[in-house]
N, C-alpha and C. Protein backbone atom coordinates (compact mmCIF):
# COMPACT_ATOMS: atom_id res chain seq x y z
N MET A 1 18.89 186.74 -60.24
CA MET A 1 19.79 185.66 -60.58
C MET A 1 20.07 184.77 -59.36
N THR A 2 20.27 185.37 -58.21
CA THR A 2 20.56 184.60 -57.01
C THR A 2 19.37 183.71 -56.63
N ARG A 3 18.17 184.24 -56.76
CA ARG A 3 16.96 183.45 -56.45
C ARG A 3 16.85 182.25 -57.39
N ARG A 4 17.13 182.47 -58.66
CA ARG A 4 17.06 181.39 -59.64
C ARG A 4 18.10 180.32 -59.33
N ARG A 5 19.29 180.74 -58.95
CA ARG A 5 20.36 179.80 -58.60
C ARG A 5 19.97 179.00 -57.35
N ALA A 6 19.38 179.67 -56.37
CA ALA A 6 18.95 178.98 -55.16
C ALA A 6 17.86 177.96 -55.48
N GLU A 7 16.95 178.33 -56.37
CA GLU A 7 15.87 177.42 -56.79
C GLU A 7 16.45 176.17 -57.45
N ARG A 8 17.40 176.36 -58.35
CA ARG A 8 18.06 175.22 -59.02
C ARG A 8 18.78 174.35 -58.01
N GLY A 9 19.48 174.98 -57.08
CA GLY A 9 20.20 174.24 -56.05
C GLY A 9 19.26 173.44 -55.16
N GLY A 10 18.11 174.03 -54.85
CA GLY A 10 17.12 173.33 -54.03
C GLY A 10 16.54 172.13 -54.75
N ARG A 11 16.25 172.28 -56.02
CA ARG A 11 15.72 171.15 -56.80
C ARG A 11 16.76 170.04 -56.93
N ARG A 12 18.01 170.42 -57.12
CA ARG A 12 19.08 169.43 -57.20
C ARG A 12 19.20 168.67 -55.88
N ALA A 13 19.16 169.40 -54.78
CA ALA A 13 19.26 168.77 -53.46
C ALA A 13 18.08 167.81 -53.23
N GLU A 14 16.89 168.20 -53.66
CA GLU A 14 15.73 167.32 -53.50
C GLU A 14 15.88 166.05 -54.34
N ARG A 15 16.41 166.18 -55.56
CA ARG A 15 16.64 164.99 -56.39
C ARG A 15 17.66 164.07 -55.73
N LEU A 16 18.74 164.66 -55.21
CA LEU A 16 19.77 163.87 -54.54
C LEU A 16 19.20 163.17 -53.31
N ALA A 17 18.42 163.89 -52.52
CA ALA A 17 17.80 163.32 -51.32
C ALA A 17 16.85 162.19 -51.70
N ALA A 18 16.08 162.38 -52.76
CA ALA A 18 15.15 161.33 -53.19
C ALA A 18 15.90 160.07 -53.60
N TRP A 19 16.98 160.22 -54.33
CA TRP A 19 17.76 159.04 -54.73
C TRP A 19 18.39 158.37 -53.52
N TRP A 20 18.85 159.14 -52.58
CA TRP A 20 19.44 158.57 -51.36
C TRP A 20 18.39 157.76 -50.60
N LEU A 21 17.21 158.32 -50.47
CA LEU A 21 16.13 157.59 -49.79
C LEU A 21 15.78 156.30 -50.55
N ARG A 22 15.71 156.37 -51.87
CA ARG A 22 15.43 155.16 -52.67
C ARG A 22 16.48 154.09 -52.41
N LEU A 23 17.75 154.48 -52.35
CA LEU A 23 18.81 153.53 -52.07
C LEU A 23 18.65 152.88 -50.70
N LYS A 24 18.00 153.58 -49.79
CA LYS A 24 17.78 153.06 -48.43
C LYS A 24 16.44 152.33 -48.30
N GLY A 25 15.76 152.10 -49.43
CA GLY A 25 14.54 151.31 -49.40
C GLY A 25 13.24 152.09 -49.32
N TRP A 26 13.29 153.39 -49.45
CA TRP A 26 12.09 154.22 -49.42
C TRP A 26 11.51 154.35 -50.82
N ARG A 27 10.21 154.49 -50.90
CA ARG A 27 9.51 154.78 -52.15
C ARG A 27 9.05 156.23 -52.08
N ILE A 28 9.38 157.03 -53.07
CA ILE A 28 9.02 158.44 -53.10
C ILE A 28 7.57 158.55 -53.60
N LEU A 29 6.71 159.12 -52.77
CA LEU A 29 5.30 159.28 -53.11
C LEU A 29 5.01 160.63 -53.75
N ALA A 30 5.76 161.65 -53.36
CA ALA A 30 5.51 162.99 -53.89
C ALA A 30 6.76 163.85 -53.72
N VAL A 31 6.92 164.78 -54.64
CA VAL A 31 8.00 165.77 -54.58
C VAL A 31 7.35 167.14 -54.61
N ARG A 32 7.76 167.99 -53.68
CA ARG A 32 7.21 169.36 -53.57
C ARG A 32 5.69 169.37 -53.49
N ALA A 33 5.17 168.65 -52.55
CA ALA A 33 3.72 168.60 -52.34
C ALA A 33 3.29 169.89 -51.67
N ARG A 34 2.40 170.62 -52.32
CA ARG A 34 1.98 171.94 -51.83
C ARG A 34 0.57 171.91 -51.25
N THR A 35 0.39 172.72 -50.24
CA THR A 35 -0.92 172.93 -49.62
C THR A 35 -1.04 174.43 -49.37
N PRO A 36 -2.23 174.89 -49.03
CA PRO A 36 -2.37 176.32 -48.69
C PRO A 36 -1.56 176.73 -47.46
N VAL A 37 -1.19 175.77 -46.59
CA VAL A 37 -0.47 176.12 -45.37
C VAL A 37 1.03 175.87 -45.44
N GLY A 38 1.52 175.33 -46.56
CA GLY A 38 2.95 175.08 -46.68
C GLY A 38 3.24 174.00 -47.69
N GLU A 39 4.52 173.67 -47.77
CA GLU A 39 4.99 172.70 -48.76
C GLU A 39 5.86 171.66 -48.06
N VAL A 40 5.80 170.43 -48.57
CA VAL A 40 6.68 169.36 -48.11
C VAL A 40 7.57 168.99 -49.29
N ASP A 41 8.88 168.98 -49.06
CA ASP A 41 9.81 168.72 -50.16
C ASP A 41 9.66 167.30 -50.72
N LEU A 42 9.64 166.31 -49.85
CA LEU A 42 9.48 164.91 -50.27
C LEU A 42 8.53 164.20 -49.33
N ILE A 43 7.74 163.31 -49.89
CA ILE A 43 6.94 162.40 -49.08
C ILE A 43 7.38 161.00 -49.48
N ALA A 44 7.79 160.21 -48.50
CA ALA A 44 8.35 158.89 -48.78
C ALA A 44 7.72 157.84 -47.89
N ARG A 45 7.68 156.61 -48.39
CA ARG A 45 7.13 155.48 -47.63
C ARG A 45 8.13 154.34 -47.63
N ARG A 46 8.26 153.74 -46.46
CA ARG A 46 8.99 152.49 -46.32
C ARG A 46 8.20 151.64 -45.34
N GLY A 47 7.63 150.57 -45.87
CA GLY A 47 6.78 149.72 -45.03
C GLY A 47 5.57 150.49 -44.55
N ARG A 48 5.36 150.53 -43.25
CA ARG A 48 4.21 151.21 -42.65
C ARG A 48 4.55 152.62 -42.18
N THR A 49 5.71 153.14 -42.59
CA THR A 49 6.13 154.48 -42.18
C THR A 49 6.04 155.44 -43.36
N VAL A 50 5.39 156.57 -43.14
CA VAL A 50 5.33 157.64 -44.13
C VAL A 50 6.10 158.82 -43.53
N ALA A 51 7.11 159.27 -44.28
CA ALA A 51 7.93 160.39 -43.82
C ALA A 51 7.69 161.61 -44.70
N PHE A 52 7.44 162.73 -44.05
CA PHE A 52 7.34 164.02 -44.71
C PHE A 52 8.71 164.68 -44.51
N VAL A 53 9.47 164.83 -45.60
CA VAL A 53 10.89 165.15 -45.51
C VAL A 53 11.17 166.58 -45.95
N GLU A 54 11.82 167.33 -45.09
CA GLU A 54 12.29 168.67 -45.40
C GLU A 54 13.76 168.54 -45.81
N VAL A 55 14.11 169.04 -46.99
CA VAL A 55 15.47 168.94 -47.51
C VAL A 55 16.14 170.31 -47.41
N LYS A 56 17.34 170.33 -46.86
CA LYS A 56 18.10 171.57 -46.75
C LYS A 56 19.48 171.37 -47.36
N ALA A 57 19.84 172.21 -48.31
CA ALA A 57 21.16 172.19 -48.93
C ALA A 57 21.92 173.43 -48.46
N ARG A 58 23.07 173.21 -47.89
CA ARG A 58 23.88 174.33 -47.42
C ARG A 58 25.35 174.04 -47.69
N ALA A 59 26.18 175.04 -47.52
CA ALA A 59 27.61 174.93 -47.83
C ALA A 59 28.39 174.15 -46.77
N SER A 60 27.86 174.07 -45.54
CA SER A 60 28.58 173.38 -44.47
C SER A 60 27.59 172.66 -43.56
N ASP A 61 28.11 171.74 -42.76
CA ASP A 61 27.27 171.02 -41.80
C ASP A 61 26.62 171.98 -40.80
N ASP A 62 27.40 172.94 -40.32
CA ASP A 62 26.87 173.91 -39.36
C ASP A 62 25.73 174.73 -39.96
N ALA A 63 25.93 175.21 -41.17
CA ALA A 63 24.89 176.01 -41.83
C ALA A 63 23.64 175.17 -42.09
N ALA A 64 23.82 173.90 -42.43
CA ALA A 64 22.67 173.02 -42.68
C ALA A 64 21.86 172.83 -41.40
N GLY A 65 22.53 172.62 -40.29
CA GLY A 65 21.83 172.44 -39.02
C GLY A 65 21.06 173.68 -38.60
N LEU A 66 21.61 174.84 -38.88
CA LEU A 66 20.93 176.09 -38.52
C LEU A 66 19.78 176.43 -39.46
N ALA A 67 19.75 175.81 -40.63
CA ALA A 67 18.73 176.14 -41.64
C ALA A 67 17.35 175.61 -41.27
N LEU A 68 17.30 174.67 -40.36
CA LEU A 68 16.02 174.07 -40.00
C LEU A 68 15.64 174.48 -38.58
N ASP A 69 14.83 175.51 -38.49
CA ASP A 69 14.43 176.02 -37.19
C ASP A 69 12.99 175.63 -36.87
N GLU A 70 12.51 176.01 -35.71
CA GLU A 70 11.17 175.63 -35.26
C GLU A 70 10.09 176.19 -36.19
N TYR A 71 10.27 177.39 -36.68
CA TYR A 71 9.29 178.01 -37.58
C TYR A 71 9.11 177.16 -38.84
N ARG A 72 10.22 176.78 -39.47
CA ARG A 72 10.14 175.97 -40.69
C ARG A 72 9.54 174.59 -40.40
N LEU A 73 9.94 174.00 -39.31
CA LEU A 73 9.39 172.68 -38.94
C LEU A 73 7.89 172.76 -38.69
N ARG A 74 7.44 173.83 -38.08
CA ARG A 74 6.02 174.01 -37.82
C ARG A 74 5.24 174.11 -39.14
N ARG A 75 5.80 174.81 -40.12
CA ARG A 75 5.15 174.91 -41.44
C ARG A 75 5.08 173.54 -42.12
N VAL A 76 6.15 172.78 -42.03
CA VAL A 76 6.15 171.43 -42.61
C VAL A 76 5.13 170.56 -41.88
N ALA A 77 5.04 170.70 -40.57
CA ALA A 77 4.08 169.90 -39.79
C ALA A 77 2.65 170.22 -40.20
N ARG A 78 2.34 171.50 -40.41
CA ARG A 78 0.99 171.86 -40.85
C ARG A 78 0.69 171.30 -42.24
N ALA A 79 1.66 171.40 -43.13
CA ALA A 79 1.47 170.85 -44.47
C ALA A 79 1.32 169.33 -44.41
N ALA A 80 2.13 168.68 -43.59
CA ALA A 80 2.05 167.22 -43.45
C ALA A 80 0.68 166.80 -42.92
N GLU A 81 0.17 167.57 -41.99
CA GLU A 81 -1.16 167.28 -41.44
C GLU A 81 -2.23 167.36 -42.54
N ALA A 82 -2.09 168.34 -43.41
CA ALA A 82 -3.05 168.49 -44.52
C ALA A 82 -2.90 167.38 -45.56
N LEU A 83 -1.67 166.90 -45.75
CA LEU A 83 -1.40 165.89 -46.78
C LEU A 83 -1.56 164.45 -46.30
N ALA A 84 -1.52 164.24 -44.99
CA ALA A 84 -1.56 162.88 -44.44
C ALA A 84 -2.73 162.03 -44.94
N PRO A 85 -3.94 162.56 -45.00
CA PRO A 85 -5.04 161.71 -45.47
C PRO A 85 -4.84 161.19 -46.89
N ARG A 86 -4.13 161.94 -47.71
CA ARG A 86 -3.91 161.54 -49.10
C ARG A 86 -2.84 160.45 -49.23
N TYR A 87 -1.83 160.47 -48.35
CA TYR A 87 -0.69 159.58 -48.52
C TYR A 87 -0.56 158.47 -47.48
N SER A 88 -1.37 158.49 -46.46
CA SER A 88 -1.24 157.47 -45.43
C SER A 88 -2.46 156.54 -45.42
N ARG A 89 -2.25 155.39 -44.78
CA ARG A 89 -3.31 154.41 -44.62
C ARG A 89 -3.49 154.15 -43.13
N PRO A 90 -4.62 153.59 -42.75
CA PRO A 90 -4.81 153.27 -41.33
C PRO A 90 -3.68 152.39 -40.81
N GLY A 91 -3.16 152.73 -39.65
CA GLY A 91 -2.10 151.96 -39.03
C GLY A 91 -0.69 152.42 -39.39
N ASP A 92 -0.57 153.37 -40.30
CA ASP A 92 0.76 153.88 -40.67
C ASP A 92 1.32 154.76 -39.55
N THR A 93 2.62 154.78 -39.47
CA THR A 93 3.33 155.70 -38.60
C THR A 93 3.72 156.91 -39.45
N LEU A 94 3.37 158.09 -39.00
CA LEU A 94 3.70 159.33 -39.71
C LEU A 94 4.78 160.06 -38.94
N ARG A 95 5.73 160.63 -39.68
CA ARG A 95 6.79 161.40 -39.02
C ARG A 95 7.32 162.46 -39.97
N ILE A 96 8.03 163.41 -39.38
CA ILE A 96 8.68 164.46 -40.15
C ILE A 96 10.19 164.25 -40.02
N ASP A 97 10.84 164.11 -41.17
CA ASP A 97 12.27 163.88 -41.23
C ASP A 97 12.96 165.08 -41.87
N ALA A 98 14.27 165.13 -41.74
CA ALA A 98 15.07 166.16 -42.40
C ALA A 98 16.21 165.48 -43.15
N MET A 99 16.54 166.05 -44.29
CA MET A 99 17.71 165.59 -45.05
C MET A 99 18.60 166.80 -45.27
N PHE A 100 19.87 166.64 -44.95
CA PHE A 100 20.84 167.72 -45.14
C PHE A 100 21.80 167.33 -46.26
N ILE A 101 21.91 168.21 -47.25
CA ILE A 101 22.79 168.00 -48.39
C ILE A 101 23.91 169.03 -48.30
N VAL A 102 25.13 168.55 -48.14
CA VAL A 102 26.32 169.40 -48.01
C VAL A 102 27.35 168.93 -49.04
N PRO A 103 28.01 169.85 -49.75
CA PRO A 103 28.98 169.44 -50.75
C PRO A 103 30.05 168.49 -50.20
N ARG A 104 30.42 167.53 -51.00
CA ARG A 104 31.48 166.56 -50.70
C ARG A 104 31.21 165.72 -49.47
N ARG A 105 29.93 165.55 -49.13
CA ARG A 105 29.53 164.69 -48.01
C ARG A 105 28.34 163.85 -48.44
N LEU A 106 28.20 162.71 -47.82
CA LEU A 106 27.00 161.91 -48.07
C LEU A 106 25.80 162.62 -47.47
N PRO A 107 24.63 162.47 -48.08
CA PRO A 107 23.42 163.08 -47.49
C PRO A 107 23.21 162.55 -46.07
N ARG A 108 22.71 163.42 -45.22
CA ARG A 108 22.44 163.03 -43.82
C ARG A 108 20.93 163.05 -43.61
N HIS A 109 20.41 161.92 -43.18
CA HIS A 109 18.97 161.76 -42.97
C HIS A 109 18.70 161.68 -41.47
N LEU A 110 17.93 162.64 -40.97
CA LEU A 110 17.54 162.64 -39.56
C LEU A 110 16.06 162.29 -39.48
N ALA A 111 15.76 161.22 -38.78
CA ALA A 111 14.39 160.75 -38.66
C ALA A 111 13.66 161.43 -37.51
N ASN A 112 12.38 161.68 -37.70
CA ASN A 112 11.49 162.15 -36.64
C ASN A 112 12.01 163.39 -35.92
N VAL A 113 12.20 164.47 -36.67
CA VAL A 113 12.79 165.69 -36.09
C VAL A 113 11.77 166.61 -35.45
N TRP A 114 10.48 166.33 -35.61
CA TRP A 114 9.45 167.20 -35.06
C TRP A 114 8.65 166.44 -34.01
N HIS A 115 8.56 167.02 -32.84
CA HIS A 115 7.81 166.39 -31.74
C HIS A 115 6.77 167.37 -31.19
N GLY A 116 6.17 168.15 -32.11
CA GLY A 116 5.21 169.17 -31.70
C GLY A 116 3.92 168.57 -31.45
């Protein structure tokens, strides 16, 4: 039951993050894009920038910040590398972003969180 609840919460957070990005001028290219090396929650484009977005929903700001560690970012980076040829064009800027969803707060979007 707990796993199912977490899955529902994660999907809700991804929907909320996608709408927030749309309001900020991003076009959502993919949701839960999977590869053999990992998954990217959202892939979004605005102009010449393609963002591979990891979404984290937690009960507090502190918990959200701790939810995204180097291991998880590395997995997203590997998946983004595998997906980039499908979603990017020559001359695009590619980056890995994070979105934090916390109850009773606006979504927080952090750009370019991976510098590996």
